[in-house]
């Protein structure tokens, strides 16, 4: 069972869609693999496509599509560990404006 996100789903719904599309576009993940992602799905260290080189491209694309800036000191293993962790980070980032 997927863990609950600390940010209400009504605040993450559109971010979820954007994040899934970015993962598909940047990493070349199939529709099925992207659809199967839940809050507990591992990302960095679990998806072979998401290596250290791909992280920069992924974050840049997220910044462009969501019109946010992700500072270098905000990027850590915990934020990239799971789909839910990254989704929560992005929801909080958007809420901070």
Protein backbone atom coordinates (compact mmCIF):
# COMPACT_ATOMS: atom_id res chain seq x y z
CA UNK A 1 0.00 0.00 0.00
CA UNK A 2 1.32 3.44 -0.91
CA UNK A 3 2.23 5.79 1.89
CA UNK A 4 0.24 8.96 2.35
CA UNK A 5 1.77 12.16 1.14
CA UNK A 6 2.09 14.95 3.70
CA UNK A 7 0.69 17.40 1.13
CA UNK A 8 -3.03 17.01 0.22
CA UNK A 9 -3.62 15.34 -3.14
CA UNK A 10 -5.63 18.32 -4.40
CA UNK A 11 -2.37 20.28 -4.17
CA UNK A 12 -0.30 17.61 -5.91
CA UNK A 13 -2.62 16.41 -8.70
CA UNK A 14 -1.33 18.63 -11.49
CA UNK A 15 2.23 18.33 -10.18
CA UNK A 16 1.85 14.55 -10.32
CA UNK A 17 0.91 14.74 -13.99
CA UNK A 18 3.80 17.09 -14.81
CA UNK A 19 6.27 14.91 -12.92
CA UNK A 20 5.11 11.75 -14.67
CA UNK A 21 5.41 13.45 -18.07
CA UNK A 22 8.91 14.75 -17.27
CA UNK A 23 10.04 11.28 -16.15
CA UNK A 24 8.68 9.86 -19.37
CA UNK A 25 10.21 12.54 -21.60
CA UNK A 26 13.62 12.89 -19.93
CA UNK A 27 14.25 9.27 -18.95
CA UNK A 28 12.37 7.60 -21.78
CA UNK A 29 10.16 5.58 -19.43
CA UNK A 30 7.22 3.78 -20.99
CA UNK A 31 3.60 4.75 -20.34
CA UNK A 32 3.18 1.59 -18.26
CA UNK A 33 6.24 2.21 -16.08
CA UNK A 34 5.18 5.80 -15.42
CA UNK A 35 1.59 4.78 -14.65
CA UNK A 36 2.81 2.21 -12.10
CA UNK A 37 4.69 4.80 -10.02
CA UNK A 38 3.25 5.40 -6.57
CA UNK A 39 4.48 7.34 -3.54
CA UNK A 40 6.78 4.49 -2.46
CA UNK A 41 8.28 3.83 -5.90
CA UNK A 42 12.04 4.23 -5.81
CA UNK A 43 13.66 6.73 -8.15
CA UNK A 44 17.38 7.52 -7.75
CA UNK A 45 19.21 4.26 -7.16
CA UNK A 46 16.19 2.24 -8.27
CA UNK A 47 15.59 3.38 -11.86
CA UNK A 48 18.64 2.57 -13.99
CA UNK A 49 17.70 5.46 -16.28
CA UNK A 50 18.00 7.97 -13.42
CA UNK A 51 21.74 8.16 -12.89
CA UNK A 52 23.72 11.16 -11.67
CA UNK A 53 23.95 12.58 -15.19
CA UNK A 54 20.19 12.32 -15.72
CA UNK A 55 19.38 14.09 -12.43
CA UNK A 56 20.54 17.47 -13.79
CA UNK A 57 18.42 17.10 -16.92
CA UNK A 58 15.42 15.95 -14.91
CA UNK A 59 15.60 18.86 -12.48
CA UNK A 60 16.16 21.40 -15.26
CA UNK A 61 13.10 20.13 -17.12
CA UNK A 62 11.01 20.23 -13.93
CA UNK A 63 12.13 23.82 -13.32
CA UNK A 64 11.18 24.81 -16.86
CA UNK A 65 7.77 23.15 -16.85
CA UNK A 66 6.77 24.24 -13.35
CA UNK A 67 8.37 27.70 -13.51
CA UNK A 68 10.31 27.15 -10.29
CA UNK A 69 13.97 27.27 -9.27
CA UNK A 70 15.49 24.34 -7.42
CA UNK A 71 18.60 25.48 -5.57
CA UNK A 72 21.63 23.18 -5.47
CA UNK A 73 21.47 22.93 -1.68
CA UNK A 74 17.87 21.64 -1.93
CA UNK A 75 18.89 18.60 -3.96
CA UNK A 76 19.61 15.56 -1.83
CA UNK A 77 19.15 11.82 -1.85
CA UNK A 78 16.01 11.95 0.28
CA UNK A 79 14.23 14.25 -2.17
CA UNK A 80 15.07 11.95 -5.07
CA UNK A 81 14.67 8.65 -3.24
CA UNK A 82 11.00 8.04 -4.06
CA UNK A 83 8.34 9.35 -6.41
CA UNK A 84 6.34 10.51 -3.39
CA UNK A 85 9.34 12.31 -1.92
CA UNK A 86 9.97 14.23 -5.13
CA UNK A 87 6.26 14.96 -5.53
CA UNK A 88 6.04 16.32 -1.98
CA UNK A 89 9.16 18.44 -2.49
CA UNK A 90 7.69 19.95 -5.66
CA UNK A 91 4.30 20.61 -4.02
CA UNK A 92 6.02 22.39 -1.13
CA UNK A 93 8.23 24.31 -3.56
CA UNK A 94 5.20 25.49 -5.52
CA UNK A 95 3.35 26.42 -2.30
CA UNK A 96 6.35 28.54 -1.24
CA UNK A 97 5.93 30.45 -4.48
